[in-house]
Amino acid sequence: MAKSFNFSTAPGHLIRRAQQLAVAIFMEETAGFDVTPVQFAILNALMDDPGEDQITLSGRVAFDAATSGSVIGRLEAKGWVKREADPGDKRRKLLWATPEGEKLALQMKRAVGRAQQRIVSPLDADERVQLAALLGKLVAGHEGIE
């Protein structure tokens, strides 16, 4: 019996490796845009729901609210996001993608699509559907457990 833990088949290890690969492929395909996957998710979420508050937005993109403030700050510094206090509650921050931020996200769609295709390229069509379903089930089964 081996003394060490066998990482080669451990779900946590394989998920971490898959995430590393996904980020690396995303960054390769979108290299000319200087945007991280989380920044892209935030811009897209704000295009769908402009004026959303920072806490709700963090939940939608599955990113912790404390860290999302610094990510949003970087997007704001680049001129891609606008942040304003809620007139009804000054502690609450409302967010919008600027026209420049929306334009950037739209320009990135083709590159992000290529990245998604590259990520699942080792799988056949049925396996891609199965992987998406299983990952969705895994995530949904753990939401709210943190």
N, C-alpha and C. Protein backbone atom coordinates (compact mmCIF):
# COMPACT_ATOMS: atom_id res chain seq x y z
N MET A 1 0.84 -1.19 0.00
CA MET A 1 0.00 0.00 0.00
C MET A 1 0.88 1.25 0.00
N ALA A 2 0.55 2.19 -0.86
CA ALA A 2 1.34 3.41 -0.97
C ALA A 2 1.18 4.26 0.28
N LYS A 3 2.24 4.98 0.65
CA LYS A 3 2.20 5.86 1.82
C LYS A 3 1.47 7.16 1.50
N SER A 4 1.59 7.60 0.28
CA SER A 4 1.00 8.89 -0.08
C SER A 4 -0.41 8.71 -0.63
N PHE A 5 -1.14 9.80 -0.69
CA PHE A 5 -2.49 9.81 -1.24
C PHE A 5 -2.41 9.77 -2.76
N ASN A 6 -3.24 9.00 -3.41
CA ASN A 6 -3.23 8.89 -4.87
C ASN A 6 -4.05 10.03 -5.48
N PHE A 7 -3.36 11.08 -5.90
CA PHE A 7 -4.04 12.24 -6.47
C PHE A 7 -4.54 12.00 -7.89
N SER A 8 -3.98 11.04 -8.57
CA SER A 8 -4.28 10.87 -10.00
C SER A 8 -5.75 10.60 -10.29
N THR A 9 -6.48 10.08 -9.33
CA THR A 9 -7.90 9.81 -9.54
C THR A 9 -8.80 10.58 -8.57
N ALA A 10 -8.22 11.47 -7.78
CA ALA A 10 -8.99 12.23 -6.79
C ALA A 10 -9.80 13.32 -7.49
N PRO A 11 -11.12 13.37 -7.29
CA PRO A 11 -11.95 14.39 -7.95
C PRO A 11 -11.45 15.82 -7.71
N GLY A 12 -11.08 16.14 -6.48
CA GLY A 12 -10.62 17.49 -6.18
C GLY A 12 -9.39 17.87 -7.00
N HIS A 13 -8.45 16.95 -7.10
CA HIS A 13 -7.24 17.19 -7.88
C HIS A 13 -7.56 17.35 -9.37
N LEU A 14 -8.41 16.47 -9.88
CA LEU A 14 -8.76 16.54 -11.31
C LEU A 14 -9.54 17.82 -11.63
N ILE A 15 -10.41 18.24 -10.72
CA ILE A 15 -11.15 19.49 -10.93
C ILE A 15 -10.19 20.67 -10.91
N ARG A 16 -9.24 20.67 -9.98
CA ARG A 16 -8.24 21.75 -9.92
C ARG A 16 -7.41 21.79 -11.20
N ARG A 17 -7.00 20.64 -11.69
CA ARG A 17 -6.21 20.59 -12.93
C ARG A 17 -7.04 21.07 -14.12
N ALA A 18 -8.32 20.65 -14.16
CA ALA A 18 -9.20 21.09 -15.25
C ALA A 18 -9.38 22.61 -15.20
N GLN A 19 -9.51 23.15 -14.00
CA GLN A 19 -9.65 24.61 -13.86
C GLN A 19 -8.38 25.31 -14.31
N GLN A 20 -7.21 24.77 -13.97
CA GLN A 20 -5.95 25.35 -14.43
C GLN A 20 -5.88 25.35 -15.95
N LEU A 21 -6.26 24.24 -16.56
CA LEU A 21 -6.27 24.15 -18.02
C LEU A 21 -7.26 25.13 -18.63
N ALA A 22 -8.44 25.24 -18.03
CA ALA A 22 -9.46 26.14 -18.56
C ALA A 22 -8.99 27.59 -18.52
N VAL A 23 -8.37 27.99 -17.41
CA VAL A 23 -7.88 29.37 -17.31
C VAL A 23 -6.74 29.61 -18.29
N ALA A 24 -5.84 28.65 -18.41
CA ALA A 24 -4.71 28.82 -19.34
C ALA A 24 -5.21 28.95 -20.78
N ILE A 25 -6.16 28.13 -21.17
CA ILE A 25 -6.71 28.20 -22.53
C ILE A 25 -7.45 29.52 -22.73
N PHE A 26 -8.25 29.94 -21.75
CA PHE A 26 -8.96 31.22 -21.82
C PHE A 26 -7.95 32.35 -22.03
N MET A 27 -6.89 32.36 -21.24
CA MET A 27 -5.89 33.44 -21.33
C MET A 27 -5.17 33.41 -22.67
N GLU A 28 -4.91 32.25 -23.22
CA GLU A 28 -4.28 32.16 -24.55
C GLU A 28 -5.20 32.73 -25.63
N GLU A 29 -6.45 32.33 -25.60
CA GLU A 29 -7.40 32.76 -26.64
C GLU A 29 -7.75 34.24 -26.54
N THR A 30 -7.68 34.80 -25.34
CA THR A 30 -8.07 36.19 -25.13
C THR A 30 -6.87 37.09 -24.82
N ALA A 31 -5.69 36.65 -25.18
CA ALA A 31 -4.45 37.35 -24.80
C ALA A 31 -4.44 38.82 -25.17
N GLY A 32 -5.03 39.19 -26.26
CA GLY A 32 -5.01 40.58 -26.69
C GLY A 32 -5.95 41.50 -25.93
N PHE A 33 -6.75 40.95 -25.02
CA PHE A 33 -7.76 41.75 -24.34
C PHE A 33 -7.40 42.13 -22.90
N ASP A 34 -6.45 41.46 -22.28
CA ASP A 34 -6.05 41.75 -20.90
C ASP A 34 -7.23 41.66 -19.93
N VAL A 35 -7.98 40.56 -20.01
CA VAL A 35 -9.15 40.33 -19.17
C VAL A 35 -9.09 38.91 -18.62
N THR A 36 -9.38 38.76 -17.35
CA THR A 36 -9.41 37.43 -16.73
C THR A 36 -10.79 36.81 -16.92
N PRO A 37 -10.92 35.51 -16.70
CA PRO A 37 -12.24 34.89 -16.80
C PRO A 37 -13.28 35.52 -15.87
N VAL A 38 -12.90 35.86 -14.66
CA VAL A 38 -13.84 36.48 -13.72
C VAL A 38 -14.24 37.87 -14.20
N GLN A 39 -13.28 38.64 -14.71
CA GLN A 39 -13.61 39.97 -15.23
C GLN A 39 -14.58 39.86 -16.40
N PHE A 40 -14.36 38.89 -17.27
CA PHE A 40 -15.26 38.68 -18.41
C PHE A 40 -16.65 38.30 -17.91
N ALA A 41 -16.73 37.44 -16.90
CA ALA A 41 -18.02 37.04 -16.34
C ALA A 41 -18.75 38.24 -15.75
N ILE A 42 -18.03 39.10 -15.06
CA ILE A 42 -18.64 40.30 -14.47
C ILE A 42 -19.17 41.22 -15.56
N LEU A 43 -18.37 41.48 -16.60
CA LEU A 43 -18.83 42.35 -17.69
C LEU A 43 -20.08 41.78 -18.34
N ASN A 44 -20.10 40.48 -18.58
CA ASN A 44 -21.27 39.86 -19.20
C ASN A 44 -22.49 39.93 -18.30
N ALA A 45 -22.30 39.67 -17.02
CA ALA A 45 -23.42 39.74 -16.08
C ALA A 45 -24.00 41.15 -16.03
N LEU A 46 -23.14 42.16 -16.09
CA LEU A 46 -23.62 43.55 -16.05
C LEU A 46 -24.30 43.95 -17.35
N MET A 47 -23.94 43.32 -18.44
CA MET A 47 -24.64 43.59 -19.70
C MET A 47 -26.06 43.04 -19.61
N ASP A 48 -26.22 41.91 -18.95
CA ASP A 48 -27.54 41.29 -18.80
C ASP A 48 -28.40 42.01 -17.76
N ASP A 49 -27.76 42.48 -16.69
CA ASP A 49 -28.48 43.13 -15.58
C ASP A 49 -27.78 44.42 -15.17
N PRO A 50 -27.86 45.46 -15.98
CA PRO A 50 -27.20 46.73 -15.61
C PRO A 50 -27.80 47.32 -14.33
N GLY A 51 -26.93 47.92 -13.54
CA GLY A 51 -27.37 48.53 -12.29
C GLY A 51 -27.51 47.56 -11.15
N GLU A 52 -26.96 46.37 -11.31
CA GLU A 52 -27.04 45.35 -10.26
C GLU A 52 -26.10 45.73 -9.11
N ASP A 53 -26.48 45.34 -7.89
CA ASP A 53 -25.62 45.64 -6.75
C ASP A 53 -24.45 44.65 -6.69
N GLN A 54 -23.40 45.09 -6.03
CA GLN A 54 -22.15 44.33 -6.01
C GLN A 54 -22.31 42.95 -5.36
N ILE A 55 -23.09 42.84 -4.30
CA ILE A 55 -23.26 41.56 -3.61
C ILE A 55 -24.01 40.57 -4.50
N THR A 56 -25.10 41.01 -5.11
CA THR A 56 -25.88 40.14 -6.00
C THR A 56 -25.03 39.70 -7.18
N LEU A 57 -24.29 40.64 -7.75
CA LEU A 57 -23.41 40.33 -8.88
C LEU A 57 -22.39 39.26 -8.49
N SER A 58 -21.79 39.41 -7.32
CA SER A 58 -20.80 38.42 -6.86
C SER A 58 -21.41 37.03 -6.79
N GLY A 59 -22.64 36.94 -6.31
CA GLY A 59 -23.32 35.65 -6.26
C GLY A 59 -23.59 35.09 -7.64
N ARG A 60 -23.97 35.96 -8.58
CA ARG A 60 -24.27 35.49 -9.93
C ARG A 60 -23.06 34.92 -10.63
N VAL A 61 -21.88 35.49 -10.39
CA VAL A 61 -20.68 34.99 -11.07
C VAL A 61 -19.89 34.03 -10.17
N ALA A 62 -20.50 33.68 -9.02
CA ALA A 62 -19.90 32.71 -8.10
C ALA A 62 -18.50 33.11 -7.66
N PHE A 63 -18.40 34.35 -7.19
CA PHE A 63 -17.12 34.88 -6.73
C PHE A 63 -17.36 35.55 -5.39
N ASP A 64 -16.47 35.37 -4.42
CA ASP A 64 -16.72 35.92 -3.10
C ASP A 64 -16.78 37.45 -3.15
N ALA A 65 -17.73 38.00 -2.39
CA ALA A 65 -18.02 39.43 -2.43
C ALA A 65 -16.82 40.27 -2.02
N ALA A 66 -16.04 39.81 -1.06
CA ALA A 66 -14.90 40.58 -0.59
C ALA A 66 -13.86 40.76 -1.69
N THR A 67 -13.56 39.69 -2.41
CA THR A 67 -12.57 39.76 -3.48
C THR A 67 -13.12 40.45 -4.72
N SER A 68 -14.41 40.33 -4.94
CA SER A 68 -14.99 40.93 -6.14
C SER A 68 -14.83 42.44 -6.15
N GLY A 69 -14.77 43.06 -4.97
CA GLY A 69 -14.57 44.51 -4.91
C GLY A 69 -13.28 44.94 -5.58
N SER A 70 -12.20 44.19 -5.38
CA SER A 70 -10.93 44.55 -6.01
C SER A 70 -10.96 44.27 -7.51
N VAL A 71 -11.65 43.20 -7.92
CA VAL A 71 -11.79 42.90 -9.35
C VAL A 71 -12.59 44.01 -10.02
N ILE A 72 -13.68 44.41 -9.39
CA ILE A 72 -14.50 45.49 -9.94
C ILE A 72 -13.71 46.79 -9.96
N GLY A 73 -12.90 47.02 -8.95
CA GLY A 73 -12.04 48.21 -8.92
C GLY A 73 -11.09 48.25 -10.11
N ARG A 74 -10.53 47.09 -10.48
CA ARG A 74 -9.63 47.05 -11.64
C ARG A 74 -10.40 47.31 -12.93
N LEU A 75 -11.62 46.76 -13.03
CA LEU A 75 -12.45 47.01 -14.21
C LEU A 75 -12.84 48.49 -14.28
N GLU A 76 -13.10 49.07 -13.14
CA GLU A 76 -13.45 50.49 -13.07
C GLU A 76 -12.26 51.35 -13.49
N ALA A 77 -11.07 50.99 -13.03
CA ALA A 77 -9.86 51.75 -13.38
C ALA A 77 -9.57 51.71 -14.88
N LYS A 78 -9.96 50.63 -15.52
CA LYS A 78 -9.77 50.50 -16.97
C LYS A 78 -10.87 51.21 -17.75
N GLY A 79 -11.89 51.70 -17.04
CA GLY A 79 -12.99 52.39 -17.69
C GLY A 79 -14.06 51.46 -18.25
N TRP A 80 -14.10 50.22 -17.77
CA TRP A 80 -15.04 49.23 -18.30
C TRP A 80 -16.27 49.03 -17.43
N VAL A 81 -16.20 49.51 -16.18
CA VAL A 81 -17.32 49.40 -15.25
C VAL A 81 -17.49 50.73 -14.53
N LYS A 82 -18.75 51.08 -14.29
CA LYS A 82 -19.08 52.28 -13.53
C LYS A 82 -19.76 51.82 -12.24
N ARG A 83 -19.32 52.39 -11.11
CA ARG A 83 -19.87 52.02 -9.79
C ARG A 83 -20.40 53.28 -9.13
N GLU A 84 -21.64 53.21 -8.64
CA GLU A 84 -22.26 54.35 -7.96
C GLU A 84 -22.99 53.86 -6.73
N ALA A 85 -23.10 54.75 -5.75
CA ALA A 85 -23.87 54.43 -4.55
C ALA A 85 -25.36 54.39 -4.92
N ASP A 86 -26.08 53.46 -4.30
CA ASP A 86 -27.52 53.35 -4.48
C ASP A 86 -28.16 54.58 -3.83
N PRO A 87 -28.98 55.35 -4.56
CA PRO A 87 -29.61 56.53 -3.97
C PRO A 87 -30.44 56.21 -2.72
N GLY A 88 -31.00 54.99 -2.65
CA GLY A 88 -31.81 54.59 -1.50
C GLY A 88 -31.02 54.04 -0.34
N ASP A 89 -29.77 53.66 -0.57
CA ASP A 89 -28.92 53.09 0.48
C ASP A 89 -27.48 53.32 0.07
N LYS A 90 -26.86 54.36 0.61
CA LYS A 90 -25.51 54.78 0.20
C LYS A 90 -24.45 53.71 0.44
N ARG A 91 -24.73 52.73 1.31
CA ARG A 91 -23.75 51.66 1.55
C ARG A 91 -23.72 50.65 0.40
N ARG A 92 -24.79 50.59 -0.33
CA ARG A 92 -24.95 49.62 -1.42
C ARG A 92 -24.39 50.22 -2.71
N LYS A 93 -23.56 49.47 -3.43
CA LYS A 93 -22.96 49.94 -4.68
C LYS A 93 -23.65 49.28 -5.86
N LEU A 94 -24.05 50.10 -6.82
CA LEU A 94 -24.68 49.61 -8.04
C LEU A 94 -23.66 49.72 -9.17
N LEU A 95 -23.73 48.76 -10.10
CA LEU A 95 -22.71 48.64 -11.14
C LEU A 95 -23.32 48.59 -12.53
N TRP A 96 -22.58 49.16 -13.47
CA TRP A 96 -22.93 49.11 -14.89
C TRP A 96 -21.67 48.87 -15.70
N ALA A 97 -21.79 48.11 -16.77
CA ALA A 97 -20.71 48.03 -17.76
C ALA A 97 -20.79 49.33 -18.55
N THR A 98 -19.66 49.97 -18.76
CA THR A 98 -19.64 51.18 -19.58
C THR A 98 -19.78 50.78 -21.05
N PRO A 99 -20.04 51.72 -21.93
CA PRO A 99 -20.07 51.37 -23.36
C PRO A 99 -18.77 50.72 -23.81
N GLU A 100 -17.64 51.17 -23.27
CA GLU A 100 -16.34 50.56 -23.62
C GLU A 100 -16.26 49.13 -23.10
N GLY A 101 -16.77 48.91 -21.88
CA GLY A 101 -16.76 47.56 -21.30
C GLY A 101 -17.65 46.61 -22.08
N GLU A 102 -18.82 47.09 -22.50
CA GLU A 102 -19.71 46.25 -23.30
C GLU A 102 -19.08 45.93 -24.65
N LYS A 103 -18.47 46.92 -25.26
CA LYS A 103 -17.82 46.72 -26.56
C LYS A 103 -16.71 45.67 -26.43
N LEU A 104 -15.91 45.77 -25.38
CA LEU A 104 -14.84 44.80 -25.15
C LEU A 104 -15.40 43.39 -24.99
N ALA A 105 -16.42 43.24 -24.15
CA ALA A 105 -17.00 41.91 -23.91
C ALA A 105 -17.56 41.33 -25.20
N LEU A 106 -18.21 42.15 -26.00
CA LEU A 106 -18.75 41.67 -27.27
C LEU A 106 -17.63 41.27 -28.23
N GLN A 107 -16.53 42.04 -28.23
CA GLN A 107 -15.39 41.70 -29.08
C GLN A 107 -14.75 40.38 -28.65
N MET A 108 -14.87 40.05 -27.37
CA MET A 108 -14.23 38.84 -26.83
C MET A 108 -15.05 37.58 -27.07
N LYS A 109 -16.31 37.71 -27.43
CA LYS A 109 -17.18 36.53 -27.52
C LYS A 109 -16.61 35.43 -28.40
N ARG A 110 -16.08 35.77 -29.55
CA ARG A 110 -15.55 34.74 -30.45
C ARG A 110 -14.34 34.03 -29.81
N ALA A 111 -13.44 34.80 -29.19
CA ALA A 111 -12.26 34.20 -28.55
C ALA A 111 -12.67 33.32 -27.37
N VAL A 112 -13.65 33.76 -26.60
CA VAL A 112 -14.12 32.98 -25.46
C VAL A 112 -14.80 31.70 -25.96
N GLY A 113 -15.53 31.79 -27.04
CA GLY A 113 -16.14 30.60 -27.64
C GLY A 113 -15.08 29.60 -28.08
N ARG A 114 -14.00 30.11 -28.68
CA ARG A 114 -12.90 29.20 -29.08
C ARG A 114 -12.30 28.53 -27.84
N ALA A 115 -12.13 29.31 -26.78
CA ALA A 115 -11.57 28.75 -25.55
C ALA A 115 -12.46 27.62 -25.02
N GLN A 116 -13.77 27.85 -25.01
CA GLN A 116 -14.69 26.82 -24.52
C GLN A 116 -14.59 25.55 -25.37
N GLN A 117 -14.49 25.72 -26.68
CA GLN A 117 -14.35 24.56 -27.56
C GLN A 117 -13.04 23.82 -27.32
N ARG A 118 -11.96 24.58 -27.12
CA ARG A 118 -10.66 23.95 -26.86
C ARG A 118 -10.67 23.18 -25.55
N ILE A 119 -11.34 23.72 -24.55
CA ILE A 119 -11.36 23.07 -23.24
C ILE A 119 -11.95 21.67 -23.35
N VAL A 120 -13.01 21.52 -24.12
CA VAL A 120 -13.68 20.21 -24.21
C VAL A 120 -13.28 19.42 -25.46
N SER A 121 -12.28 19.90 -26.18
CA SER A 121 -11.90 19.25 -27.45
C SER A 121 -11.50 17.77 -27.32
N PRO A 122 -10.96 17.31 -26.18
CA PRO A 122 -10.66 15.88 -26.09
C PRO A 122 -11.90 14.99 -26.00
N LEU A 123 -13.08 15.58 -25.82
CA LEU A 123 -14.31 14.82 -25.64
C LEU A 123 -15.14 14.80 -26.92
N ASP A 124 -15.90 13.73 -27.12
CA ASP A 124 -16.83 13.72 -28.25
C ASP A 124 -18.10 14.47 -27.85
N ALA A 125 -19.01 14.66 -28.78
CA ALA A 125 -20.21 15.47 -28.53
C ALA A 125 -21.03 14.97 -27.35
N ASP A 126 -21.25 13.66 -27.26
CA ASP A 126 -22.03 13.11 -26.14
C ASP A 126 -21.31 13.32 -24.81
N GLU A 127 -20.00 13.15 -24.81
CA GLU A 127 -19.22 13.35 -23.58
C GLU A 127 -19.26 14.82 -23.14
N ARG A 128 -19.29 15.74 -24.09
CA ARG A 128 -19.37 17.17 -23.75
C ARG A 128 -20.68 17.47 -23.04
N VAL A 129 -21.77 16.92 -23.54
CA VAL A 129 -23.08 17.10 -22.91
C VAL A 129 -23.06 16.48 -21.52
N GLN A 130 -22.52 15.28 -21.42
CA GLN A 130 -22.45 14.58 -20.15
C GLN A 130 -21.60 15.35 -19.14
N LEU A 131 -20.46 15.85 -19.57
CA LEU A 131 -19.58 16.62 -18.67
C LEU A 131 -20.31 17.86 -18.15
N ALA A 132 -20.96 18.60 -19.04
CA ALA A 132 -21.67 19.80 -18.61
C ALA A 132 -22.77 19.45 -17.61
N ALA A 133 -23.49 18.36 -17.88
CA ALA A 133 -24.56 17.95 -16.97
C ALA A 133 -24.00 17.54 -15.60
N LEU A 134 -22.92 16.77 -15.60
CA LEU A 134 -22.34 16.32 -14.34
C LEU A 134 -21.74 17.48 -13.55
N LEU A 135 -21.04 18.38 -14.23
CA LEU A 135 -20.49 19.54 -13.52
C LEU A 135 -21.61 20.41 -12.96
N GLY A 136 -22.66 20.61 -13.74
CA GLY A 136 -23.81 21.37 -13.27
C GLY A 136 -24.44 20.74 -12.03
N LYS A 137 -24.58 19.43 -12.06
CA LYS A 137 -25.15 18.70 -10.92
C LYS A 137 -24.25 18.79 -9.70
N LEU A 138 -22.94 18.67 -9.91
CA LEU A 138 -21.98 18.76 -8.82
C LEU A 138 -22.05 20.13 -8.16
N VAL A 139 -22.03 21.18 -8.97
CA VAL A 139 -22.08 22.55 -8.43
C VAL A 139 -23.40 22.79 -7.71
N ALA A 140 -24.51 22.43 -8.35
CA ALA A 140 -25.82 22.65 -7.74
C ALA A 140 -25.96 21.88 -6.42
N GLY A 141 -25.38 20.70 -6.36
CA GLY A 141 -25.47 19.90 -5.15
C GLY A 141 -24.68 20.46 -3.97
N HIS A 142 -23.75 21.36 -4.26
CA HIS A 142 -22.92 21.95 -3.20
C HIS A 142 -23.24 23.41 -2.93
N GLU A 143 -24.09 24.03 -3.73
CA GLU A 143 -24.39 25.45 -3.52
C GLU A 143 -25.06 25.63 -2.17
N GLY A 144 -24.61 26.63 -1.47
CA GLY A 144 -25.17 26.92 -0.16
C GLY A 144 -24.58 26.11 0.97
N ILE A 145 -23.66 25.20 0.65
CA ILE A 145 -23.06 24.35 1.69
C ILE A 145 -21.83 25.00 2.31
N GLU A 146 -21.26 25.93 1.61
CA GLU A 146 -20.00 26.56 2.04
C GLU A 146 -20.14 27.03 3.42
